[in-house]
């Protein structure tokens, strides 16, 4: 009985955690402009990726993020860098040299990272257009990109289904 109660509480906690929303946030972009997350969400679900130039797993994962950005429509990658202010030129150079096409934000003090529950980089948070967290993952190991791609695909399908239904 005790094990069943613990299992039920764990499942309930998982469901409650799954329905959390991120706050309406403003992000400073790599080009110096600022943008609200709600503006980015107008184009569909968003995968927020917290990363750093000193993080080897982050760099490996970014190749896949770039592929996903190019492959999926109605979807945006928002890669938020966690390097300190003095490293911004290194961040810009890294993005430019790899020709990444996703949106790049800056969080030099880690405030946004902490606010959204990050503890290690890379951290990924997939959110729906109403800012509901659909999926989260911290760290990167080879193969994680397959799970990420599946979660992104599910989010986009759900978004497109809602969009097509509301347009009719």
N, C-alpha and C. Protein backbone atom coordinates (compact mmCIF):
# COMPACT_ATOMS: atom_id res chain seq x y z
N UNK A 1 0.82 -1.19 0.00
CA UNK A 1 0.00 0.00 0.00
C UNK A 1 0.87 1.26 0.00
N UNK A 2 1.92 1.23 0.82
CA UNK A 2 2.81 2.38 0.91
C UNK A 2 3.51 2.63 -0.43
N UNK A 3 3.96 1.56 -1.12
CA UNK A 3 4.61 1.71 -2.42
C UNK A 3 3.65 2.28 -3.45
N UNK A 4 2.41 1.84 -3.41
CA UNK A 4 1.40 2.34 -4.35
C UNK A 4 1.15 3.83 -4.13
N UNK A 5 1.11 4.25 -2.87
CA UNK A 5 0.90 5.66 -2.55
C UNK A 5 2.08 6.51 -3.03
N UNK A 6 3.29 6.01 -2.83
CA UNK A 6 4.48 6.74 -3.29
C UNK A 6 4.48 6.84 -4.81
N UNK A 7 4.14 5.74 -5.48
CA UNK A 7 4.07 5.74 -6.94
C UNK A 7 3.02 6.74 -7.43
N UNK A 8 1.85 6.76 -6.79
CA UNK A 8 0.79 7.70 -7.16
C UNK A 8 1.23 9.14 -6.95
N UNK A 9 1.89 9.42 -5.83
CA UNK A 9 2.38 10.77 -5.57
C UNK A 9 3.45 11.17 -6.59
N UNK A 10 4.33 10.25 -6.96
CA UNK A 10 5.35 10.54 -7.96
C UNK A 10 4.71 10.84 -9.30
N UNK A 11 3.73 10.06 -9.68
CA UNK A 11 3.03 10.27 -10.95
C UNK A 11 2.31 11.61 -10.95
N UNK A 12 1.64 11.94 -9.83
CA UNK A 12 0.94 13.23 -9.71
C UNK A 12 1.92 14.38 -9.81
N UNK A 13 3.07 14.26 -9.15
CA UNK A 13 4.09 15.31 -9.23
C UNK A 13 4.56 15.48 -10.66
N UNK A 14 4.76 14.37 -11.38
CA UNK A 14 5.19 14.43 -12.77
C UNK A 14 4.15 15.17 -13.62
N UNK A 15 2.87 14.86 -13.42
CA UNK A 15 1.80 15.52 -14.17
C UNK A 15 1.78 17.01 -13.84
N UNK A 16 1.89 17.36 -12.57
CA UNK A 16 1.86 18.77 -12.18
C UNK A 16 3.07 19.51 -12.75
N UNK A 17 4.23 18.90 -12.70
CA UNK A 17 5.43 19.54 -13.23
C UNK A 17 5.32 19.72 -14.73
N UNK A 18 4.64 18.78 -15.38
CA UNK A 18 4.51 18.81 -16.83
C UNK A 18 3.65 19.97 -17.31
N UNK A 19 2.75 20.46 -16.45
CA UNK A 19 1.83 21.50 -16.88
C UNK A 19 2.29 22.90 -16.48
N UNK A 20 3.51 23.06 -16.03
CA UNK A 20 4.03 24.37 -15.65
C UNK A 20 4.21 25.24 -16.87
N UNK A 21 4.12 26.53 -16.64
CA UNK A 21 4.36 27.50 -17.71
C UNK A 21 5.57 28.35 -17.33
N UNK A 22 6.30 28.77 -18.36
CA UNK A 22 7.38 29.71 -18.09
C UNK A 22 6.77 31.11 -18.06
N UNK A 23 7.38 32.03 -17.34
CA UNK A 23 6.85 33.39 -17.32
C UNK A 23 7.07 34.10 -18.66
N UNK A 24 6.38 35.20 -18.85
CA UNK A 24 6.60 36.02 -20.05
C UNK A 24 7.93 36.74 -19.85
N UNK A 25 8.93 36.31 -20.59
CA UNK A 25 10.29 36.82 -20.40
C UNK A 25 10.75 37.64 -21.60
N UNK A 26 11.73 38.50 -21.34
CA UNK A 26 12.36 39.26 -22.41
C UNK A 26 13.81 38.79 -22.50
N UNK A 27 14.26 38.55 -23.72
CA UNK A 27 15.59 38.02 -23.95
C UNK A 27 16.43 39.02 -24.73
N UNK A 28 17.66 39.23 -24.27
CA UNK A 28 18.60 40.06 -25.03
C UNK A 28 19.23 39.16 -26.08
N UNK A 29 19.15 39.60 -27.33
CA UNK A 29 19.69 38.81 -28.43
C UNK A 29 21.15 39.15 -28.70
N UNK A 30 21.81 38.30 -29.44
CA UNK A 30 23.23 38.45 -29.74
C UNK A 30 23.52 39.75 -30.50
N UNK A 31 22.51 40.27 -31.24
CA UNK A 31 22.70 41.51 -31.99
C UNK A 31 22.41 42.76 -31.14
N UNK A 32 22.13 42.56 -29.84
CA UNK A 32 21.88 43.67 -28.94
C UNK A 32 20.41 44.03 -28.77
N UNK A 33 19.55 43.55 -29.65
CA UNK A 33 18.12 43.82 -29.53
C UNK A 33 17.52 42.95 -28.44
N UNK A 34 16.32 43.33 -28.02
CA UNK A 34 15.59 42.53 -27.03
C UNK A 34 14.29 42.06 -27.67
N UNK A 35 13.84 40.86 -27.24
CA UNK A 35 12.60 40.31 -27.77
C UNK A 35 11.89 39.54 -26.66
N UNK A 36 10.57 39.61 -26.68
CA UNK A 36 9.78 38.87 -25.70
C UNK A 36 9.55 37.46 -26.23
N UNK A 37 9.53 36.50 -25.33
CA UNK A 37 9.32 35.11 -25.72
C UNK A 37 7.99 34.95 -26.45
N UNK A 38 6.98 35.72 -26.07
CA UNK A 38 5.67 35.62 -26.73
C UNK A 38 5.76 35.96 -28.22
N UNK A 39 6.63 36.84 -28.59
CA UNK A 39 6.83 37.20 -30.00
C UNK A 39 7.41 36.01 -30.77
N UNK A 40 8.38 35.34 -30.18
CA UNK A 40 8.98 34.16 -30.82
C UNK A 40 7.95 33.04 -30.93
N UNK A 41 7.09 32.91 -29.93
CA UNK A 41 6.09 31.85 -29.91
C UNK A 41 4.99 32.03 -30.94
N UNK A 42 4.92 33.19 -31.57
CA UNK A 42 3.92 33.41 -32.62
C UNK A 42 4.15 32.46 -33.81
N UNK A 43 5.37 31.96 -33.96
CA UNK A 43 5.70 31.08 -35.08
C UNK A 43 5.57 29.60 -34.75
N UNK A 44 5.14 29.28 -33.54
CA UNK A 44 4.99 27.88 -33.14
C UNK A 44 5.80 27.58 -31.89
N UNK A 45 5.88 26.29 -31.52
CA UNK A 45 6.64 25.90 -30.33
C UNK A 45 8.10 26.35 -30.40
N UNK A 46 8.71 26.49 -29.22
CA UNK A 46 10.10 26.95 -29.12
C UNK A 46 10.88 25.98 -28.23
N UNK A 47 12.07 25.63 -28.70
CA UNK A 47 13.00 24.88 -27.87
C UNK A 47 14.02 25.88 -27.35
N UNK A 48 13.99 26.12 -26.04
CA UNK A 48 14.99 26.98 -25.41
C UNK A 48 16.16 26.09 -25.02
N UNK A 49 17.34 26.45 -25.50
CA UNK A 49 18.55 25.69 -25.23
C UNK A 49 19.54 26.60 -24.52
N UNK A 50 19.89 26.26 -23.28
CA UNK A 50 20.91 27.00 -22.55
C UNK A 50 22.25 26.31 -22.79
N UNK A 51 23.25 27.10 -23.20
CA UNK A 51 24.54 26.55 -23.60
C UNK A 51 25.66 27.51 -23.27
N UNK A 52 26.90 27.05 -23.43
CA UNK A 52 28.08 27.90 -23.21
C UNK A 52 29.18 27.47 -24.17
N UNK A 53 30.03 28.41 -24.53
CA UNK A 53 31.12 28.10 -25.48
C UNK A 53 32.14 27.15 -24.87
N UNK A 54 32.28 27.12 -23.55
CA UNK A 54 33.24 26.25 -22.89
C UNK A 54 32.71 24.83 -22.68
N UNK A 55 31.47 24.58 -23.08
CA UNK A 55 30.79 23.31 -22.84
C UNK A 55 30.86 22.42 -24.08
N UNK A 56 31.71 21.39 -24.05
CA UNK A 56 31.87 20.49 -25.20
C UNK A 56 30.56 19.78 -25.58
N UNK A 57 29.79 19.25 -24.61
CA UNK A 57 28.53 18.61 -24.99
C UNK A 57 27.55 19.60 -25.65
N UNK A 58 27.59 20.85 -25.21
CA UNK A 58 26.72 21.88 -25.82
C UNK A 58 27.04 22.02 -27.30
N UNK A 59 28.33 22.08 -27.60
CA UNK A 59 28.76 22.26 -28.98
C UNK A 59 28.37 21.07 -29.85
N UNK A 60 28.47 19.86 -29.31
CA UNK A 60 28.06 18.68 -30.05
C UNK A 60 26.55 18.71 -30.33
N UNK A 61 25.80 19.10 -29.33
CA UNK A 61 24.34 19.15 -29.46
C UNK A 61 23.89 20.21 -30.45
N UNK A 62 24.61 21.29 -30.56
CA UNK A 62 24.20 22.41 -31.42
C UNK A 62 24.11 22.02 -32.90
N UNK A 63 24.93 21.07 -33.33
CA UNK A 63 24.82 20.59 -34.72
C UNK A 63 23.42 20.06 -34.99
N UNK A 64 22.87 19.35 -34.01
CA UNK A 64 21.53 18.80 -34.16
C UNK A 64 20.47 19.89 -34.06
N UNK A 65 20.69 20.84 -33.18
CA UNK A 65 19.75 21.96 -33.07
C UNK A 65 19.64 22.69 -34.40
N UNK A 66 20.78 22.89 -35.04
CA UNK A 66 20.78 23.57 -36.33
C UNK A 66 20.00 22.76 -37.38
N UNK A 67 20.21 21.44 -37.38
CA UNK A 67 19.46 20.57 -38.30
C UNK A 67 17.97 20.65 -38.03
N UNK A 68 17.58 20.64 -36.76
CA UNK A 68 16.17 20.71 -36.41
C UNK A 68 15.56 22.04 -36.85
N UNK A 69 16.32 23.13 -36.68
CA UNK A 69 15.81 24.44 -37.08
C UNK A 69 15.55 24.48 -38.58
N UNK A 70 16.44 23.86 -39.35
CA UNK A 70 16.28 23.84 -40.80
C UNK A 70 15.19 22.85 -41.25
N UNK A 71 15.05 21.76 -40.53
CA UNK A 71 14.14 20.70 -40.93
C UNK A 71 12.67 21.00 -40.62
N UNK A 72 12.40 21.57 -39.46
CA UNK A 72 11.02 21.75 -39.01
C UNK A 72 10.48 23.14 -39.32
N UNK A 73 9.24 23.17 -39.78
CA UNK A 73 8.53 24.44 -39.96
C UNK A 73 7.69 24.66 -38.71
N UNK A 74 7.20 25.88 -38.52
CA UNK A 74 6.37 26.21 -37.35
C UNK A 74 7.11 25.89 -36.05
N UNK A 75 8.38 26.25 -35.99
CA UNK A 75 9.21 25.89 -34.85
C UNK A 75 10.43 26.79 -34.80
N UNK A 76 10.88 27.12 -33.58
CA UNK A 76 12.06 27.97 -33.41
C UNK A 76 12.97 27.41 -32.33
N UNK A 77 14.26 27.43 -32.60
CA UNK A 77 15.28 27.15 -31.58
C UNK A 77 15.72 28.50 -31.03
N UNK A 78 15.71 28.64 -29.72
CA UNK A 78 16.22 29.83 -29.05
C UNK A 78 17.39 29.36 -28.19
N UNK A 79 18.61 29.57 -28.67
CA UNK A 79 19.81 29.14 -27.96
C UNK A 79 20.30 30.30 -27.10
N UNK A 80 20.21 30.14 -25.79
CA UNK A 80 20.59 31.21 -24.87
C UNK A 80 21.94 30.89 -24.25
N UNK A 81 22.91 31.75 -24.54
CA UNK A 81 24.28 31.55 -24.11
C UNK A 81 24.46 31.99 -22.66
N UNK A 82 25.25 31.20 -21.92
CA UNK A 82 25.50 31.44 -20.50
C UNK A 82 26.91 31.95 -20.21
N UNK A 83 27.68 32.30 -21.24
CA UNK A 83 29.02 32.85 -21.03
C UNK A 83 28.92 34.23 -20.37
N UNK A 84 29.99 34.64 -19.75
CA UNK A 84 30.07 35.96 -19.13
C UNK A 84 30.18 37.04 -20.21
N UNK A 85 29.89 38.27 -19.87
CA UNK A 85 29.89 39.39 -20.80
C UNK A 85 31.20 39.51 -21.57
N UNK A 86 32.31 39.29 -20.92
CA UNK A 86 33.62 39.45 -21.59
C UNK A 86 33.84 38.43 -22.71
N UNK A 87 32.99 37.41 -22.79
CA UNK A 87 33.13 36.36 -23.82
C UNK A 87 32.18 36.54 -24.99
N UNK A 88 31.43 37.66 -25.05
CA UNK A 88 30.44 37.84 -26.12
C UNK A 88 31.06 37.76 -27.51
N UNK A 89 32.27 38.28 -27.68
CA UNK A 89 32.89 38.21 -29.01
C UNK A 89 33.16 36.76 -29.40
N UNK A 90 33.52 35.93 -28.44
CA UNK A 90 33.74 34.51 -28.69
C UNK A 90 32.43 33.82 -29.08
N UNK A 91 31.34 34.22 -28.44
CA UNK A 91 30.01 33.67 -28.73
C UNK A 91 29.61 34.02 -30.16
N UNK A 92 29.75 35.29 -30.50
CA UNK A 92 29.40 35.73 -31.86
C UNK A 92 30.24 35.02 -32.91
N UNK A 93 31.52 34.90 -32.65
CA UNK A 93 32.42 34.23 -33.58
C UNK A 93 32.04 32.76 -33.75
N UNK A 94 31.71 32.09 -32.66
CA UNK A 94 31.34 30.68 -32.71
C UNK A 94 30.07 30.48 -33.54
N UNK A 95 29.07 31.30 -33.31
CA UNK A 95 27.80 31.19 -34.05
C UNK A 95 28.04 31.49 -35.53
N UNK A 96 28.77 32.55 -35.81
CA UNK A 96 29.03 32.95 -37.20
C UNK A 96 29.85 31.89 -37.94
N UNK A 97 30.91 31.39 -37.32
CA UNK A 97 31.79 30.42 -38.00
C UNK A 97 31.07 29.10 -38.28
N UNK A 98 30.09 28.75 -37.48
CA UNK A 98 29.34 27.52 -37.71
C UNK A 98 28.08 27.74 -38.54
N UNK A 99 27.82 29.01 -38.87
CA UNK A 99 26.67 29.38 -39.70
C UNK A 99 25.35 28.88 -39.14
N UNK A 100 25.21 28.94 -37.82
CA UNK A 100 23.96 28.53 -37.20
C UNK A 100 22.88 29.55 -37.50
N UNK A 101 21.69 29.07 -37.78
CA UNK A 101 20.59 29.93 -38.21
C UNK A 101 19.53 30.14 -37.13
N UNK A 102 19.72 29.55 -35.96
CA UNK A 102 18.70 29.73 -34.93
C UNK A 102 18.89 31.05 -34.19
N UNK A 103 17.90 31.42 -33.42
CA UNK A 103 17.92 32.66 -32.64
C UNK A 103 18.86 32.46 -31.46
N UNK A 104 19.75 33.45 -31.22
CA UNK A 104 20.72 33.34 -30.12
C UNK A 104 20.50 34.48 -29.13
N UNK A 105 20.28 34.10 -27.89
CA UNK A 105 20.11 35.06 -26.81
C UNK A 105 21.30 35.01 -25.86
N UNK A 106 21.35 35.98 -24.96
CA UNK A 106 22.45 36.09 -24.00
C UNK A 106 21.90 36.18 -22.58
N UNK A 107 22.53 35.47 -21.67
CA UNK A 107 22.14 35.47 -20.25
C UNK A 107 23.42 35.44 -19.41
N UNK A 108 24.24 36.51 -19.47
CA UNK A 108 25.58 36.48 -18.87
C UNK A 108 25.60 36.29 -17.35
N UNK A 109 24.53 36.66 -16.67
CA UNK A 109 24.50 36.50 -15.22
C UNK A 109 23.80 35.21 -14.79
N UNK A 110 23.26 34.47 -15.77
CA UNK A 110 22.58 33.21 -15.47
C UNK A 110 21.25 33.36 -14.78
N UNK A 111 20.71 34.57 -14.77
CA UNK A 111 19.44 34.80 -14.05
C UNK A 111 18.28 34.05 -14.69
N UNK A 112 18.17 34.12 -16.00
CA UNK A 112 17.10 33.43 -16.70
C UNK A 112 17.26 31.92 -16.57
N UNK A 113 18.49 31.47 -16.68
CA UNK A 113 18.81 30.05 -16.54
C UNK A 113 18.31 29.53 -15.19
N UNK A 114 18.62 30.25 -14.13
CA UNK A 114 18.19 29.85 -12.78
C UNK A 114 16.67 29.96 -12.64
N UNK A 115 16.10 31.04 -13.19
CA UNK A 115 14.65 31.25 -13.10
C UNK A 115 13.87 30.10 -13.74
N UNK A 116 14.43 29.53 -14.81
CA UNK A 116 13.74 28.44 -15.51
C UNK A 116 14.19 27.05 -15.02
N UNK A 117 14.92 27.03 -13.90
CA UNK A 117 15.26 25.77 -13.25
C UNK A 117 16.48 25.05 -13.78
N UNK A 118 17.31 25.73 -14.53
CA UNK A 118 18.52 25.11 -15.05
C UNK A 118 19.57 24.92 -13.98
N UNK A 119 20.32 23.82 -14.09
CA UNK A 119 21.42 23.61 -13.15
C UNK A 119 22.71 23.19 -13.87
N UNK A 120 22.58 22.62 -15.08
CA UNK A 120 23.75 22.25 -15.88
C UNK A 120 23.48 22.64 -17.33
N UNK A 121 24.56 22.91 -18.07
CA UNK A 121 24.41 23.13 -19.51
C UNK A 121 24.91 21.90 -20.23
N UNK A 122 24.30 21.53 -21.31
CA UNK A 122 23.12 22.17 -21.88
C UNK A 122 21.84 21.76 -21.13
N UNK A 123 20.90 22.68 -21.13
CA UNK A 123 19.55 22.42 -20.64
C UNK A 123 18.60 22.82 -21.76
N UNK A 124 17.64 21.96 -22.03
CA UNK A 124 16.65 22.21 -23.08
C UNK A 124 15.25 22.22 -22.47
N UNK A 125 14.47 23.22 -22.87
CA UNK A 125 13.09 23.34 -22.43
C UNK A 125 12.24 23.58 -23.67
N UNK A 126 11.38 22.64 -23.98
CA UNK A 126 10.48 22.75 -25.12
C UNK A 126 9.17 23.33 -24.61
N UNK A 127 8.75 24.47 -25.20
CA UNK A 127 7.51 25.11 -24.74
C UNK A 127 6.53 25.27 -25.89
N UNK A 128 5.26 25.19 -25.53
CA UNK A 128 4.18 25.37 -26.49
C UNK A 128 3.89 26.87 -26.60
N UNK A 129 3.03 27.22 -27.52
CA UNK A 129 2.76 28.64 -27.81
C UNK A 129 2.11 29.38 -26.65
N UNK A 130 1.56 28.67 -25.68
CA UNK A 130 0.99 29.32 -24.49
C UNK A 130 1.99 29.33 -23.33
N UNK A 131 3.27 29.01 -23.62
CA UNK A 131 4.38 28.98 -22.68
C UNK A 131 4.36 27.78 -21.74
N UNK A 132 3.52 26.78 -22.04
CA UNK A 132 3.49 25.55 -21.25
C UNK A 132 4.73 24.72 -21.57
N UNK A 133 5.37 24.23 -20.52
CA UNK A 133 6.54 23.38 -20.70
C UNK A 133 6.06 22.00 -21.14
N UNK A 134 6.50 21.58 -22.32
CA UNK A 134 6.12 20.28 -22.86
C UNK A 134 7.15 19.19 -22.53
N UNK A 135 8.42 19.60 -22.45
CA UNK A 135 9.51 18.64 -22.23
C UNK A 135 10.74 19.39 -21.75
N UNK A 136 11.51 18.76 -20.87
CA UNK A 136 12.76 19.34 -20.38
C UNK A 136 13.83 18.25 -20.34
N UNK A 137 15.06 18.66 -20.55
CA UNK A 137 16.17 17.72 -20.47
C UNK A 137 17.44 18.48 -20.12
N UNK A 138 18.22 17.93 -19.21
CA UNK A 138 19.49 18.55 -18.85
C UNK A 138 20.64 17.63 -19.23
N UNK A 139 21.71 18.21 -19.74
CA UNK A 139 22.87 17.45 -20.15
C UNK A 139 22.73 16.98 -21.59
N UNK A 140 23.80 16.38 -22.10
CA UNK A 140 23.75 15.81 -23.45
C UNK A 140 24.67 14.61 -23.53
N UNK A 141 24.10 13.52 -24.04
CA UNK A 141 24.86 12.32 -24.38
C UNK A 141 24.45 11.94 -25.79
N UNK A 142 25.36 11.36 -26.58
CA UNK A 142 24.98 10.94 -27.92
C UNK A 142 23.71 10.06 -27.87
N UNK A 143 22.78 10.37 -28.73
CA UNK A 143 21.49 9.69 -28.75
C UNK A 143 20.37 10.54 -28.19
N UNK A 144 20.71 11.50 -27.33
CA UNK A 144 19.68 12.40 -26.78
C UNK A 144 18.96 13.16 -27.88
N UNK A 145 19.67 13.41 -28.99
CA UNK A 145 19.07 14.18 -30.08
C UNK A 145 17.88 13.43 -30.70
N UNK A 146 17.88 12.11 -30.63
CA UNK A 146 16.75 11.33 -31.16
C UNK A 146 15.50 11.57 -30.33
N UNK A 147 15.68 11.60 -29.02
CA UNK A 147 14.55 11.87 -28.13
C UNK A 147 14.06 13.30 -28.34
N UNK A 148 15.00 14.22 -28.44
CA UNK A 148 14.65 15.62 -28.66
C UNK A 148 13.86 15.80 -29.95
N UNK A 149 14.31 15.16 -31.02
CA UNK A 149 13.63 15.28 -32.31
C UNK A 149 12.20 14.74 -32.22
N UNK A 150 12.04 13.64 -31.52
CA UNK A 150 10.70 13.06 -31.34
C UNK A 150 9.79 14.03 -30.57
N UNK A 151 10.30 14.63 -29.51
CA UNK A 151 9.50 15.57 -28.70
C UNK A 151 9.15 16.82 -29.51
N UNK A 152 10.09 17.32 -30.29
CA UNK A 152 9.84 18.48 -31.14
C UNK A 152 8.76 18.13 -32.16
N UNK A 153 8.88 16.98 -32.78
CA UNK A 153 7.88 16.54 -33.76
C UNK A 153 6.49 16.46 -33.17
N UNK A 154 6.37 15.92 -31.96
CA UNK A 154 5.05 15.84 -31.30
C UNK A 154 4.49 17.23 -31.03
N UNK A 155 5.34 18.14 -30.58
CA UNK A 155 4.89 19.50 -30.28
C UNK A 155 4.41 20.21 -31.54
N UNK A 156 5.13 20.04 -32.63
CA UNK A 156 4.76 20.69 -33.89
C UNK A 156 3.46 20.11 -34.44
N UNK A 157 3.31 18.80 -34.37
CA UNK A 157 2.07 18.17 -34.84
C UNK A 157 0.87 18.68 -34.05
N UNK A 158 1.00 18.77 -32.74
CA UNK A 158 -0.09 19.27 -31.91
C UNK A 158 -0.41 20.73 -32.25
N UNK A 159 0.63 21.52 -32.45
CA UNK A 159 0.45 22.93 -32.83
C UNK A 159 -0.26 23.04 -34.18
N UNK A 160 0.21 22.28 -35.16
CA UNK A 160 -0.39 22.35 -36.50
C UNK A 160 -1.84 21.87 -36.48
N UNK A 161 -2.13 20.87 -35.68
CA UNK A 161 -3.50 20.37 -35.56
C UNK A 161 -4.41 21.46 -34.99
N UNK A 162 -3.94 22.14 -33.94
CA UNK A 162 -4.73 23.24 -33.34
C UNK A 162 -4.90 24.38 -34.34
N UNK A 163 -3.80 24.70 -35.05
CA UNK A 163 -3.83 25.82 -35.99
C UNK A 163 -4.80 25.54 -37.12
N UNK A 164 -4.71 24.35 -37.71
CA UNK A 164 -5.60 24.00 -38.82
C UNK A 164 -7.05 23.96 -38.37
N UNK A 165 -7.30 23.47 -37.16
CA UNK A 165 -8.65 23.41 -36.62
C UNK A 165 -9.20 24.81 -36.39
N UNK A 166 -8.36 25.73 -35.89
CA UNK A 166 -8.84 27.08 -35.58
C UNK A 166 -9.01 27.92 -36.82
N UNK A 167 -8.32 27.59 -37.91
CA UNK A 167 -8.43 28.37 -39.16
C UNK A 167 -9.73 28.06 -39.88
N UNK A 168 -10.21 26.82 -39.78
CA UNK A 168 -11.42 26.40 -40.51
C UNK A 168 -12.65 27.15 -40.09
